[in-house]
Amino acid sequence: MSLQNLAPGPELTGEKQFPQPPSHFAGPTTATAAPQQGPGSGNEVPVNQIRKPKEVNRDDPNIRIVDLPPQRKPSFKEKVYGYARVIRGSTFGDPNIKEQGERVLRGEETISRARGSVSD
């Protein structure tokens, strides 16, 4: 804070003194530290850092494992069946039925032909 930016005290002028905005006292500053996040928005993983599951040590605390969505999307009929199984499992308290419905919704399991599944 420099003295030339200060107004004379109220004892000299006889009026109330209000604080000056900080922009009158301090000039703009720049950050000298490196940014905490790498380039980009942080959503992207460089291609050279992508590993196959068999190459990854799952006990390493520095590794973040991301499960990718299934390659196959369930059909409308499978979605209806999956949601019905989830609701039925929740209603009757059967976690196996609920889990089966969630697997169908994720595309990891198909419904049997007896249930009306359309084959590819």
PDB file of N, CA and C in Angstrom:
ATOM      1  N   MET A   1       0.857  -1.159   0.000  1.00  0.00           N
ATOM      2  CA  MET A   1       0.000   0.000   0.000  1.00  0.00           C
ATOM      3  C   MET A   1       0.907   1.228   0.000  1.00  0.00           C
ATOM      4  N   SER A   2       0.664   2.120  -0.897  1.00  0.00           N
ATOM      5  CA  SER A   2       1.482   3.330  -0.954  1.00  0.00           C
ATOM      6  C   SER A   2       0.728   4.492  -0.321  1.00  0.00           C
ATOM      7  N   LEU A   3       1.461   5.456   0.170  1.00  0.00           N
ATOM      8  CA  LEU A   3       0.864   6.573   0.898  1.00  0.00           C
ATOM      9  C   LEU A   3       0.153   7.567  -0.013  1.00  0.00           C
ATOM     10  N   GLN A   4       0.560   7.665  -1.268  1.00  0.00           N
ATOM     11  CA  GLN A   4      -0.082   8.649  -2.143  1.00  0.00           C
ATOM     12  C   GLN A   4      -1.512   8.250  -2.506  1.00  0.00           C
ATOM     13  N   ASN A   5      -1.887   6.968  -2.338  1.00  0.00           N
ATOM     14  CA  ASN A   5      -3.244   6.535  -2.651  1.00  0.00           C
ATOM     15  C   ASN A   5      -4.196   6.751  -1.486  1.00  0.00           C
ATOM     16  N   LEU A   6      -3.701   7.068  -0.338  1.00  0.00           N
ATOM     17  CA  LEU A   6      -4.553   7.248   0.831  1.00  0.00           C
ATOM     18  C   LEU A   6      -5.111   8.668   0.867  1.00  0.00           C
ATOM     19  N   ALA A   7      -6.365   8.733   1.182  1.00  0.00           N
ATOM     20  CA  ALA A   7      -6.990  10.054   1.338  1.00  0.00           C
ATOM     21  C   ALA A   7      -6.613  10.600   2.714  1.00  0.00           C
ATOM     22  N   PRO A   8      -6.635  11.917   2.893  1.00  0.00           N
ATOM     23  CA  PRO A   8      -6.332  12.458   4.215  1.00  0.00           C
ATOM     24  C   PRO A   8      -7.325  11.948   5.248  1.00  0.00           C
ATOM     25  N   GLY A   9      -6.882  11.735   6.457  1.00  0.00           N
ATOM     26  CA  GLY A   9      -7.707  11.184   7.520  1.00  0.00           C
ATOM     27  C   GLY A   9      -8.885  12.077   7.859  1.00  0.00           C
ATOM     28  N   PRO A  10      -9.916  11.525   8.513  1.00  0.00           N
ATOM     29  CA  PRO A  10     -11.110  12.317   8.843  1.00  0.00           C
ATOM     30  C   PRO A  10     -10.796  13.428   9.829  1.00  0.00           C
ATOM     31  N   GLU A  11      -9.734  13.255  10.607  1.00  0.00           N
ATOM     32  CA  GLU A  11      -9.392  14.314  11.552  1.00  0.00           C
ATOM     33  C   GLU A  11      -8.898  15.569  10.836  1.00  0.00           C
ATOM     34  N   LEU A  12      -8.362  15.400   9.592  1.00  0.00           N
ATOM     35  CA  LEU A  12      -7.882  16.563   8.848  1.00  0.00           C
ATOM     36  C   LEU A  12      -8.992  17.214   8.018  1.00  0.00           C
ATOM     37  N   THR A  13      -9.908  16.426   7.473  1.00  0.00           N
ATOM     38  CA  THR A  13     -10.939  16.977   6.592  1.00  0.00           C
ATOM     39  C   THR A  13     -12.255  17.214   7.312  1.00  0.00           C
ATOM     40  N   GLY A  14     -12.470  16.545   8.454  1.00  0.00           N
ATOM     41  CA  GLY A  14     -13.701  16.723   9.199  1.00  0.00           C
ATOM     42  C   GLY A  14     -14.880  15.945   8.620  1.00  0.00           C
ATOM     43  N   GLU A  15     -14.648  14.999   7.717  1.00  0.00           N
ATOM     44  CA  GLU A  15     -15.739  14.197   7.163  1.00  0.00           C
ATOM     45  C   GLU A  15     -15.421  12.716   7.326  1.00  0.00           C
ATOM     46  N   LYS A  16     -16.461  11.874   7.087  1.00  0.00           N
ATOM     47  CA  LYS A  16     -16.269  10.429   7.217  1.00  0.00           C
ATOM     48  C   LYS A  16     -15.389   9.914   6.082  1.00  0.00           C
ATOM     49  N   GLN A  17     -14.564   8.943   6.419  1.00  0.00           N
ATOM     50  CA  GLN A  17     -13.697   8.350   5.402  1.00  0.00           C
ATOM     51  C   GLN A  17     -14.201   6.941   5.100  1.00  0.00           C
ATOM     52  N   PHE A  18     -14.406   6.668   3.827  1.00  0.00           N
ATOM     53  CA  PHE A  18     -14.837   5.358   3.389  1.00  0.00           C
ATOM     54  C   PHE A  18     -13.642   4.636   2.771  1.00  0.00           C
ATOM     55  N   PRO A  19     -13.557   3.316   2.962  1.00  0.00           N
ATOM     56  CA  PRO A  19     -12.426   2.593   2.377  1.00  0.00           C
ATOM     57  C   PRO A  19     -12.477   2.628   0.848  1.00  0.00           C
ATOM     58  N   GLN A  20     -11.318   2.701   0.245  1.00  0.00           N
ATOM     59  CA  GLN A  20     -11.210   2.704  -1.210  1.00  0.00           C
ATOM     60  C   GLN A  20     -11.295   1.268  -1.728  1.00  0.00           C
ATOM     61  N   PRO A  21     -11.831   1.077  -2.928  1.00  0.00           N
ATOM     62  CA  PRO A  21     -11.861  -0.269  -3.506  1.00  0.00           C
ATOM     63  C   PRO A  21     -10.438  -0.802  -3.681  1.00  0.00           C
ATOM     64  N   PRO A  22     -10.255  -2.107  -3.603  1.00  0.00           N
ATOM     65  CA  PRO A  22      -8.920  -2.685  -3.704  1.00  0.00           C
ATOM     66  C   PRO A  22      -8.227  -2.352  -5.017  1.00  0.00           C
ATOM     67  N   SER A  23      -8.986  -2.130  -6.088  1.00  0.00           N
ATOM     68  CA  SER A  23      -8.353  -1.858  -7.372  1.00  0.00           C
ATOM     69  C   SER A  23      -7.568  -0.545  -7.349  1.00  0.00           C
ATOM     70  N   HIS A  24      -7.886   0.369  -6.420  1.00  0.00           N
ATOM     71  CA  HIS A  24      -7.135   1.619  -6.333  1.00  0.00           C
ATOM     72  C   HIS A  24      -5.795   1.420  -5.632  1.00  0.00           C
ATOM     73  N   PHE A  25      -5.685   0.382  -4.817  1.00  0.00           N
ATOM     74  CA  PHE A  25      -4.474   0.172  -4.041  1.00  0.00           C
ATOM     75  C   PHE A  25      -3.521  -0.828  -4.673  1.00  0.00           C
ATOM     76  N   ALA A  26      -4.062  -1.875  -5.277  1.00  0.00           N
ATOM     77  CA  ALA A  26      -3.209  -2.943  -5.795  1.00  0.00           C
ATOM     78  C   ALA A  26      -3.420  -3.090  -7.291  1.00  0.00           C
ATOM     79  N   GLY A  27      -2.342  -3.285  -7.975  1.00  0.00           N
ATOM     80  CA  GLY A  27      -2.405  -3.499  -9.412  1.00  0.00           C
ATOM     81  C   GLY A  27      -2.735  -4.954  -9.718  1.00  0.00           C
ATOM     82  N   PRO A  28      -2.968  -5.264 -10.972  1.00  0.00           N
ATOM     83  CA  PRO A  28      -3.272  -6.644 -11.339  1.00  0.00           C
ATOM     84  C   PRO A  28      -2.065  -7.547 -11.084  1.00  0.00           C
ATOM     85  N   THR A  29      -2.355  -8.777 -10.735  1.00  0.00           N
ATOM     86  CA  THR A  29      -1.291  -9.752 -10.485  1.00  0.00           C
ATOM     87  C   THR A  29      -1.409 -10.887 -11.486  1.00  0.00           C
ATOM     88  N   THR A  30      -0.341 -11.621 -11.640  1.00  0.00           N
ATOM     89  CA  THR A  30      -0.343 -12.788 -12.517  1.00  0.00           C
ATOM     90  C   THR A  30       0.067 -14.010 -11.708  1.00  0.00           C
ATOM     91  N   ALA A  31      -0.431 -15.159 -12.107  1.00  0.00           N
ATOM     92  CA  ALA A  31      -0.091 -16.408 -11.431  1.00  0.00           C
ATOM     93  C   ALA A  31       1.219 -16.931 -11.994  1.00  0.00           C
ATOM     94  N   THR A  32       2.115 -17.308 -11.103  1.00  0.00           N
ATOM     95  CA  THR A  32       3.396 -17.856 -11.549  1.00  0.00           C
ATOM     96  C   THR A  32       3.439 -19.367 -11.397  1.00  0.00           C
ATOM     97  N   ALA A  33       2.471 -19.952 -10.723  1.00  0.00           N
ATOM     98  CA  ALA A  33       2.450 -21.402 -10.531  1.00  0.00           C
ATOM     99  C   ALA A  33       1.810 -22.071 -11.743  1.00  0.00           C
ATOM    100  N   ALA A  34       2.230 -23.288 -11.995  1.00  0.00           N
ATOM    101  CA  ALA A  34       1.663 -24.061 -13.102  1.00  0.00           C
ATOM    102  C   ALA A  34       0.229 -24.454 -12.762  1.00  0.00           C
ATOM    103  N   PRO A  35      -0.624 -24.618 -13.760  1.00  0.00           N
ATOM    104  CA  PRO A  35      -1.996 -25.031 -13.472  1.00  0.00           C
ATOM    105  C   PRO A  35      -2.025 -26.419 -12.837  1.00  0.00           C
ATOM    106  N   GLN A  36      -3.034 -26.655 -12.005  1.00  0.00           N
ATOM    107  CA  GLN A  36      -3.131 -27.927 -11.306  1.00  0.00           C
ATOM    108  C   GLN A  36      -3.574 -29.050 -12.221  1.00  0.00           C
ATOM    109  N   GLN A  37      -4.277 -28.730 -13.265  1.00  0.00           N
ATOM    110  CA  GLN A  37      -4.781 -29.741 -14.166  1.00  0.00           C
ATOM    111  C   GLN A  37      -4.010 -29.687 -15.468  1.00  0.00           C
ATOM    112  N   GLY A  38      -3.904 -30.805 -16.123  1.00  0.00           N
ATOM    113  CA  GLY A  38      -3.176 -30.896 -17.378  1.00  0.00           C
ATOM    114  C   GLY A  38      -3.907 -30.183 -18.495  1.00  0.00           C
ATOM    115  N   PRO A  39      -3.411 -30.317 -19.707  1.00  0.00           N
ATOM    116  CA  PRO A  39      -4.062 -29.643 -20.833  1.00  0.00           C
ATOM    117  C   PRO A  39      -5.465 -30.179 -21.069  1.00  0.00           C
ATOM    118  N   GLY A  40      -6.312 -29.354 -21.603  1.00  0.00           N
ATOM    119  CA  GLY A  40      -7.694 -29.751 -21.869  1.00  0.00           C
ATOM    120  C   GLY A  40      -8.539 -29.626 -20.625  1.00  0.00           C
ATOM    121  N   SER A  41      -9.723 -30.189 -20.672  1.00  0.00           N
ATOM    122  CA  SER A  41     -10.656 -30.062 -19.561  1.00  0.00           C
ATOM    123  C   SER A  41     -10.519 -31.178 -18.541  1.00  0.00           C
ATOM    124  N   GLY A  42      -9.626 -32.129 -18.776  1.00  0.00           N
ATOM    125  CA  GLY A  42      -9.453 -33.226 -17.847  1.00  0.00           C
ATOM    126  C   GLY A  42     -10.315 -34.422 -18.184  1.00  0.00           C
ATOM    127  N   ASN A  43     -11.140 -34.327 -19.204  1.00  0.00           N
ATOM    128  CA  ASN A  43     -12.004 -35.433 -19.582  1.00  0.00           C
ATOM    129  C   ASN A  43     -11.306 -36.412 -20.507  1.00  0.00           C
ATOM    130  N   GLU A  44     -10.221 -35.992 -21.109  1.00  0.00           N
ATOM    131  CA  GLU A  44      -9.587 -36.792 -22.136  1.00  0.00           C
ATOM    132  C   GLU A  44      -8.410 -37.575 -21.561  1.00  0.00           C
ATOM    133  N   VAL A  45      -8.237 -38.788 -22.061  1.00  0.00           N
ATOM    134  CA  VAL A  45      -7.104 -39.614 -21.680  1.00  0.00           C
ATOM    135  C   VAL A  45      -6.231 -39.764 -22.914  1.00  0.00           C
ATOM    136  N   PRO A  46      -4.937 -39.424 -22.818  1.00  0.00           N
ATOM    137  CA  PRO A  46      -4.060 -39.589 -23.985  1.00  0.00           C
ATOM    138  C   PRO A  46      -4.020 -41.048 -24.425  1.00  0.00           C
ATOM    139  N   VAL A  47      -3.908 -41.257 -25.717  1.00  0.00           N
ATOM    140  CA  VAL A  47      -3.940 -42.602 -26.284  1.00  0.00           C
ATOM    141  C   VAL A  47      -2.831 -43.477 -25.714  1.00  0.00           C
ATOM    142  N   ASN A  48      -1.680 -42.887 -25.433  1.00  0.00           N
ATOM    143  CA  ASN A  48      -0.564 -43.699 -24.934  1.00  0.00           C
ATOM    144  C   ASN A  48      -0.763 -44.141 -23.487  1.00  0.00           C
ATOM    145  N   GLN A  49      -1.816 -43.674 -22.807  1.00  0.00           N
ATOM    146  CA  GLN A  49      -2.086 -44.089 -21.427  1.00  0.00           C
ATOM    147  C   GLN A  49      -3.200 -45.120 -21.320  1.00  0.00           C
ATOM    148  N   ILE A  50      -3.805 -45.496 -22.438  1.00  0.00           N
ATOM    149  CA  ILE A  50      -4.866 -46.498 -22.422  1.00  0.00           C
ATOM    150  C   ILE A  50      -4.222 -47.879 -22.442  1.00  0.00           C
ATOM    151  N   ARG A  51      -4.626 -48.721 -21.509  1.00  0.00           N
ATOM    152  CA  ARG A  51      -4.056 -50.064 -21.381  1.00  0.00           C
ATOM    153  C   ARG A  51      -5.148 -51.108 -21.518  1.00  0.00           C
ATOM    154  N   LYS A  52      -4.747 -52.304 -21.934  1.00  0.00           N
ATOM    155  CA  LYS A  52      -5.664 -53.439 -21.981  1.00  0.00           C
ATOM    156  C   LYS A  52      -5.808 -53.989 -20.573  1.00  0.00           C
ATOM    157  N   PRO A  53      -6.949 -54.628 -20.258  1.00  0.00           N
ATOM    158  CA  PRO A  53      -7.170 -55.126 -18.890  1.00  0.00           C
ATOM    159  C   PRO A  53      -6.077 -56.062 -18.391  1.00  0.00           C
ATOM    160  N   LYS A  54      -5.510 -56.883 -19.270  1.00  0.00           N
ATOM    161  CA  LYS A  54      -4.483 -57.824 -18.812  1.00  0.00           C
ATOM    162  C   LYS A  54      -3.152 -57.134 -18.519  1.00  0.00           C
ATOM    163  N   GLU A  55      -2.963 -55.906 -19.002  1.00  0.00           N
ATOM    164  CA  GLU A  55      -1.719 -55.167 -18.761  1.00  0.00           C
ATOM    165  C   GLU A  55      -1.761 -54.332 -17.482  1.00  0.00           C
ATOM    166  N   VAL A  56      -2.919 -54.248 -16.818  1.00  0.00           N
ATOM    167  CA  VAL A  56      -3.109 -53.346 -15.685  1.00  0.00           C
ATOM    168  C   VAL A  56      -2.944 -54.097 -14.367  1.00  0.00           C
ATOM    169  N   ASN A  57      -2.189 -53.508 -13.452  1.00  0.00           N
ATOM    170  CA  ASN A  57      -2.083 -54.029 -12.095  1.00  0.00           C
ATOM    171  C   ASN A  57      -3.211 -53.383 -11.293  1.00  0.00           C
ATOM    172  N   ARG A  58      -4.243 -54.150 -10.979  1.00  0.00           N
ATOM    173  CA  ARG A  58      -5.423 -53.597 -10.312  1.00  0.00           C
ATOM    174  C   ARG A  58      -5.163 -53.210  -8.860  1.00  0.00           C
ATOM    175  N   ASP A  59      -4.028 -53.632  -8.293  1.00  0.00           N
ATOM    176  CA  ASP A  59      -3.704 -53.272  -6.915  1.00  0.00           C
ATOM    177  C   ASP A  59      -2.980 -51.930  -6.823  1.00  0.00           C
ATOM    178  N   ASP A  60      -2.604 -51.350  -7.946  1.00  0.00           N
ATOM    179  CA  ASP A  60      -1.889 -50.074  -7.958  1.00  0.00           C
ATOM    180  C   ASP A  60      -2.862 -48.949  -7.616  1.00  0.00           C
ATOM    181  N   PRO A  61      -2.606 -48.175  -6.536  1.00  0.00           N
ATOM    182  CA  PRO A  61      -3.547 -47.109  -6.152  1.00  0.00           C
ATOM    183  C   PRO A  61      -3.551 -45.925  -7.116  1.00  0.00           C
ATOM    184  N   ASN A  62      -2.582 -45.820  -8.011  1.00  0.00           N
ATOM    185  CA  ASN A  62      -2.507 -44.698  -8.943  1.00  0.00           C
ATOM    186  C   ASN A  62      -3.286 -44.944 -10.227  1.00  0.00           C
ATOM    187  N   ILE A  63      -3.926 -46.091 -10.333  1.00  0.00           N
ATOM    188  CA  ILE A  63      -4.645 -46.425 -11.553  1.00  0.00           C
ATOM    189  C   ILE A  63      -6.138 -46.297 -11.318  1.00  0.00           C
ATOM    190  N   ARG A  64      -6.790 -45.593 -12.227  1.00  0.00           N
ATOM    191  CA  ARG A  64      -8.242 -45.451 -12.173  1.00  0.00           C
ATOM    192  C   ARG A  64      -8.835 -46.304 -13.285  1.00  0.00           C
ATOM    193  N   ILE A  65      -9.691 -47.239 -12.922  1.00  0.00           N
ATOM    194  CA  ILE A  65     -10.274 -48.151 -13.885  1.00  0.00           C
ATOM    195  C   ILE A  65     -11.662 -47.642 -14.253  1.00  0.00           C
ATOM    196  N   VAL A  66     -11.911 -47.557 -15.538  1.00  0.00           N
ATOM    197  CA  VAL A  66     -13.180 -47.055 -16.042  1.00  0.00           C
ATOM    198  C   VAL A  66     -13.863 -48.176 -16.809  1.00  0.00           C
ATOM    199  N   ASP A  67     -15.087 -48.501 -16.431  1.00  0.00           N
ATOM    200  CA  ASP A  67     -15.867 -49.492 -17.165  1.00  0.00           C
ATOM    201  C   ASP A  67     -16.572 -48.799 -18.319  1.00  0.00           C
ATOM    202  N   LEU A  68     -16.359 -49.322 -19.513  1.00  0.00           N
ATOM    203  CA  LEU A  68     -16.975 -48.751 -20.699  1.00  0.00           C
ATOM    204  C   LEU A  68     -18.378 -49.306 -20.871  1.00  0.00           C
ATOM    205  N   PRO A  69     -19.267 -48.540 -21.485  1.00  0.00           N
ATOM    206  CA  PRO A  69     -20.619 -49.050 -21.710  1.00  0.00           C
ATOM    207  C   PRO A  69     -20.579 -50.232 -22.673  1.00  0.00           C
ATOM    208  N   PRO A  70     -21.615 -51.065 -22.647  1.00  0.00           N
ATOM    209  CA  PRO A  70     -21.613 -52.233 -23.518  1.00  0.00           C
ATOM    210  C   PRO A  70     -21.645 -51.837 -24.983  1.00  0.00           C
ATOM    211  N   GLN A  71     -21.125 -52.705 -25.814  1.00  0.00           N
ATOM    212  CA  GLN A  71     -21.120 -52.450 -27.249  1.00  0.00           C
ATOM    213  C   GLN A  71     -22.516 -52.644 -27.843  1.00  0.00           C
ATOM    214  N   ARG A  72     -23.302 -53.542 -27.244  1.00  0.00           N
ATOM    215  CA  ARG A  72     -24.634 -53.843 -27.763  1.00  0.00           C
ATOM    216  C   ARG A  72     -25.676 -53.178 -26.877  1.00  0.00           C
ATOM    217  N   LYS A  73     -26.557 -52.429 -27.483  1.00  0.00           N
ATOM    218  CA  LYS A  73     -27.641 -51.803 -26.726  1.00  0.00           C
ATOM    219  C   LYS A  73     -28.827 -52.759 -26.705  1.00  0.00           C
ATOM    220  N   PRO A  74     -29.494 -52.870 -25.571  1.00  0.00           N
ATOM    221  CA  PRO A  74     -30.659 -53.759 -25.518  1.00  0.00           C
ATOM    222  C   PRO A  74     -31.798 -53.223 -26.382  1.00  0.00           C
ATOM    223  N   SER A  75     -32.566 -54.162 -26.943  1.00  0.00           N
ATOM    224  CA  SER A  75     -33.725 -53.774 -27.754  1.00  0.00           C
ATOM    225  C   SER A  75     -34.824 -53.228 -26.843  1.00  0.00           C
ATOM    226  N   PHE A  76     -35.859 -52.678 -27.448  1.00  0.00           N
ATOM    227  CA  PHE A  76     -36.969 -52.142 -26.675  1.00  0.00           C
ATOM    228  C   PHE A  76     -37.607 -53.236 -25.827  1.00  0.00           C
ATOM    229  N   LYS A  77     -37.783 -54.405 -26.428  1.00  0.00           N
ATOM    230  CA  LYS A  77     -38.411 -55.517 -25.714  1.00  0.00           C
ATOM    231  C   LYS A  77     -37.536 -55.944 -24.523  1.00  0.00           C
ATOM    232  N   GLU A  78     -36.223 -55.940 -24.721  1.00  0.00           N
ATOM    233  CA  GLU A  78     -35.318 -56.303 -23.620  1.00  0.00           C
ATOM    234  C   GLU A  78     -35.330 -55.246 -22.520  1.00  0.00           C
ATOM    235  N   LYS A  79     -35.463 -53.981 -22.901  1.00  0.00           N
ATOM    236  CA  LYS A  79     -35.551 -52.921 -21.889  1.00  0.00           C
ATOM    237  C   LYS A  79     -36.808 -53.080 -21.041  1.00  0.00           C
ATOM    238  N   VAL A  80     -37.931 -53.375 -21.699  1.00  0.00           N
ATOM    239  CA  VAL A  80     -39.180 -53.567 -20.968  1.00  0.00           C
ATOM    240  C   VAL A  80     -39.028 -54.735 -20.003  1.00  0.00           C
ATOM    241  N   TYR A  81     -38.459 -55.833 -20.496  1.00  0.00           N
ATOM    242  CA  TYR A  81     -38.257 -57.018 -19.654  1.00  0.00           C
ATOM    243  C   TYR A  81     -37.303 -56.694 -18.493  1.00  0.00           C
ATOM    244  N   GLY A  82     -36.219 -55.973 -18.784  1.00  0.00           N
ATOM    245  CA  GLY A  82     -35.241 -55.624 -17.749  1.00  0.00           C
ATOM    246  C   GLY A  82     -35.846 -54.763 -16.662  1.00  0.00           C
ATOM    247  N   TYR A  83     -36.590 -53.727 -17.057  1.00  0.00           N
ATOM    248  CA  TYR A  83     -37.236 -52.871 -16.062  1.00  0.00           C
ATOM    249  C   TYR A  83     -38.265 -53.650 -15.242  1.00  0.00           C
ATOM    250  N   ALA A  84     -38.989 -54.553 -15.907  1.00  0.00           N
ATOM    251  CA  ALA A  84     -39.969 -55.365 -15.182  1.00  0.00           C
ATOM    252  C   ALA A  84     -39.277 -56.243 -14.141  1.00  0.00           C
ATOM    253  N   ARG A  85     -38.114 -56.807 -14.491  1.00  0.00           N
ATOM    254  CA  ARG A  85     -37.384 -57.658 -13.547  1.00  0.00           C
ATOM    255  C   ARG A  85     -36.852 -56.829 -12.369  1.00  0.00           C
ATOM    256  N   VAL A  86     -36.363 -55.635 -12.657  1.00  0.00           N
ATOM    257  CA  VAL A  86     -35.851 -54.769 -11.589  1.00  0.00           C
ATOM    258  C   VAL A  86     -36.982 -54.408 -10.628  1.00  0.00           C
ATOM    259  N   ILE A  87     -38.134 -54.030 -11.162  1.00  0.00           N
ATOM    260  CA  ILE A  87     -39.270 -53.660 -10.312  1.00  0.00           C
ATOM    261  C   ILE A  87     -39.763 -54.867  -9.522  1.00  0.00           C
ATOM    262  N   ARG A  88     -39.847 -56.025 -10.189  1.00  0.00           N
ATOM    263  CA  ARG A  88     -40.305 -57.237  -9.499  1.00  0.00           C
ATOM    264  C   ARG A  88     -39.340 -57.608  -8.371  1.00  0.00           C
ATOM    265  N   GLY A  89     -38.026 -57.554  -8.663  1.00  0.00           N
ATOM    266  CA  GLY A  89     -37.032 -57.880  -7.639  1.00  0.00           C
ATOM    267  C   GLY A  89     -37.077 -56.918  -6.467  1.00  0.00           C
ATOM    268  N   SER A  90     -37.311 -55.640  -6.757  1.00  0.00           N
ATOM    269  CA  SER A  90     -37.398 -54.648  -5.682  1.00  0.00           C
ATOM    270  C   SER A  90     -38.661 -54.845  -4.852  1.00  0.00           C
ATOM    271  N   THR A  91     -39.760 -55.147  -5.535  1.00  0.00           N
ATOM    272  CA  THR A  91     -41.037 -55.301  -4.844  1.00  0.00           C
ATOM    273  C   THR A  91     -41.042 -56.513  -3.924  1.00  0.00           C
ATOM    274  N   PHE A  92     -40.548 -57.639  -4.439  1.00  0.00           N
ATOM    275  CA  PHE A  92     -40.589 -58.878  -3.669  1.00  0.00           C
ATOM    276  C   PHE A  92     -39.311 -59.111  -2.856  1.00  0.00           C
ATOM    277  N   GLY A  93     -38.352 -58.197  -2.928  1.00  0.00           N
ATOM    278  CA  GLY A  93     -37.134 -58.302  -2.129  1.00  0.00           C
ATOM    279  C   GLY A  93     -36.200 -59.408  -2.586  1.00  0.00           C
ATOM    280  N   ASP A  94     -36.185 -59.707  -3.886  1.00  0.00           N
ATOM    281  CA  ASP A  94     -35.304 -60.749  -4.419  1.00  0.00           C
ATOM    282  C   ASP A  94     -34.155 -60.092  -5.197  1.00  0.00           C
ATOM    283  N   PRO A  95     -32.950 -60.021  -4.609  1.00  0.00           N
ATOM    284  CA  PRO A  95     -31.844 -59.341  -5.283  1.00  0.00           C
ATOM    285  C   PRO A  95     -31.385 -60.053  -6.558  1.00  0.00           C
ATOM    286  N   ASN A  96     -31.609 -61.367  -6.669  1.00  0.00           N
ATOM    287  CA  ASN A  96     -31.191 -62.083  -7.882  1.00  0.00           C
ATOM    288  C   ASN A  96     -32.011 -61.655  -9.091  1.00  0.00           C
ATOM    289  N   ILE A  97     -33.316 -61.506  -8.905  1.00  0.00           N
ATOM    290  CA  ILE A  97     -34.181 -61.062 -10.003  1.00  0.00           C
ATOM    291  C   ILE A  97     -33.835 -59.627 -10.394  1.00  0.00           C
ATOM    292  N   LYS A  98     -33.605 -58.794  -9.392  1.00  0.00           N
ATOM    293  CA  LYS A  98     -33.263 -57.394  -9.657  1.00  0.00           C
ATOM    294  C   LYS A  98     -31.936 -57.302 -10.415  1.00  0.00           C
ATOM    295  N   GLU A  99     -30.949 -58.072 -10.000  1.00  0.00           N
ATOM    296  CA  GLU A  99     -29.640 -58.053 -10.665  1.00  0.00           C
ATOM    297  C   GLU A  99     -29.755 -58.557 -12.101  1.00  0.00           C
ATOM    298  N   GLN A 100     -30.604 -59.570 -12.336  1.00  0.00           N
ATOM    299  CA  GLN A 100     -30.786 -60.071 -13.694  1.00  0.00           C
ATOM    300  C   GLN A 100     -31.367 -58.963 -14.574  1.00  0.00           C
ATOM    301  N   GLY A 101     -32.347 -58.237 -14.067  1.00  0.00           N
ATOM    302  CA  GLY A 101     -32.927 -57.131 -14.825  1.00  0.00           C
ATOM    303  C   GLY A 101     -31.903 -56.044 -15.117  1.00  0.00           C
ATOM    304  N   GLU A 102     -31.026 -55.752 -14.161  1.00  0.00           N
ATOM    305  CA  GLU A 102     -29.984 -54.742 -14.392  1.00  0.00           C
ATOM    306  C   GLU A 102     -28.985 -55.211 -15.439  1.00  0.00           C
ATOM    307  N   ARG A 103     -28.661 -56.509 -15.447  1.00  0.00           N
ATOM    308  CA  ARG A 103     -27.747 -57.043 -16.470  1.00  0.00           C
ATOM    309  C   ARG A 103     -28.382 -56.938 -17.859  1.00  0.00           C
ATOM    310  N   VAL A 104     -29.682 -57.206 -17.950  1.00  0.00           N
ATOM    311  CA  VAL A 104     -30.375 -57.080 -19.240  1.00  0.00           C
ATOM    312  C   VAL A 104     -30.356 -55.625 -19.693  1.00  0.00           C
ATOM    313  N   LEU A 105     -30.585 -54.697 -18.788  1.00  0.00           N
ATOM    314  CA  LEU A 105     -30.588 -53.271 -19.149  1.00  0.00           C
ATOM    315  C   LEU A 105     -29.210 -52.786 -19.566  1.00  0.00           C
ATOM    316  N   ARG A 106     -28.157 -53.346 -18.972  1.00  0.00           N
ATOM    317  CA  ARG A 106     -26.792 -52.966 -19.357  1.00  0.00           C
ATOM    318  C   ARG A 106     -26.361 -53.629 -20.658  1.00  0.00           C
ATOM    319  N   GLY A 107     -27.134 -54.594 -21.157  1.00  0.00           N
ATOM    320  CA  GLY A 107     -26.783 -55.272 -22.398  1.00  0.00           C
ATOM    321  C   GLY A 107     -25.851 -56.440 -22.199  1.00  0.00           C
ATOM    322  N   GLU A 108     -25.636 -56.851 -20.953  1.00  0.00           N
ATOM    323  CA  GLU A 108     -24.735 -57.961 -20.669  1.00  0.00           C
ATOM    324  C   GLU A 108     -25.434 -59.309 -20.795  1.00  0.00           C
ATOM    325  N   GLU A 109     -26.745 -59.308 -20.799  1.00  0.00           N
ATOM    326  CA  GLU A 109     -27.517 -60.541 -20.855  1.00  0.00           C
ATOM    327  C   GLU A 109     -28.713 -60.317 -21.763  1.00  0.00           C
ATOM    328  N   THR A 110     -29.078 -61.347 -22.507  1.00  0.00           N
ATOM    329  CA  THR A 110     -30.262 -61.254 -23.355  1.00  0.00           C
ATOM    330  C   THR A 110     -31.377 -62.075 -22.732  1.00  0.00           C
ATOM    331  N   ILE A 111     -32.599 -61.798 -23.144  1.00  0.00           N
ATOM    332  CA  ILE A 111     -33.714 -62.577 -22.611  1.00  0.00           C
ATOM    333  C   ILE A 111     -33.852 -63.844 -23.452  1.00  0.00           C
ATOM    334  N   SER A 112     -34.373 -64.892 -22.850  1.00  0.00           N
ATOM    335  CA  SER A 112     -34.464 -66.181 -23.542  1.00  0.00           C
ATOM    336  C   SER A 112     -35.521 -66.123 -24.641  1.00  0.00           C
ATOM    337  N   ARG A 113     -35.399 -67.047 -25.597  1.00  0.00           N
ATOM    338  CA  ARG A 113     -36.353 -67.083 -26.714  1.00  0.00           C
ATOM    339  C   ARG A 113     -37.756 -67.402 -26.196  1.00  0.00           C
ATOM    340  N   ALA A 114     -37.845 -68.145 -25.115  1.00  0.00           N
ATOM    341  CA  ALA A 114     -39.159 -68.458 -24.557  1.00  0.00           C
ATOM    342  C   ALA A 114     -39.865 -67.207 -24.070  1.00  0.00           C
ATOM    343  N   ARG A 115     -39.102 -66.166 -23.729  1.00  0.00           N
ATOM    344  CA  ARG A 115     -39.682 -64.906 -23.271  1.00  0.00           C
ATOM    345  C   ARG A 115     -40.013 -63.988 -24.447  1.00  0.00           C
ATOM    346  N   GLY A 116     -39.739 -64.435 -25.671  1.00  0.00           N
ATOM    347  CA  GLY A 116     -40.113 -63.621 -26.819  1.00  0.00           C
ATOM    348  C   GLY A 116     -38.984 -62.792 -27.385  1.00  0.00           C
ATOM    349  N   SER A 117     -37.742 -63.173 -27.147  1.00  0.00           N
ATOM    350  CA  SER A 117     -36.609 -62.415 -27.658  1.00  0.00           C
ATOM    351  C   SER A 117     -36.515 -62.574 -29.168  1.00  0.00           C
ATOM    352  N   VAL A 118     -36.181 -61.510 -29.824  1.00  0.00           N
ATOM    353  CA  VAL A 118     -35.990 -61.541 -31.265  1.00  0.00           C
ATOM    354  C   VAL A 118     -34.526 -61.837 -31.521  1.00  0.00           C
ATOM    355  N   SER A 119     -34.257 -62.906 -32.281  1.00  0.00           N
ATOM    356  CA  SER A 119     -32.866 -63.242 -32.567  1.00  0.00           C
ATOM    357  C   SER A 119     -32.341 -62.372 -33.695  1.00  0.00           C
ATOM    358  N   ASP A 120     -31.035 -62.159 -33.697  1.00  0.00           N
ATOM    359  CA  ASP A 120     -30.416 -61.293 -34.694  1.00  0.00           C
ATOM    360  C   ASP A 120     -30.337 -61.946 -36.038  1.00  0.00           C
TER     361      ASP A 120
END
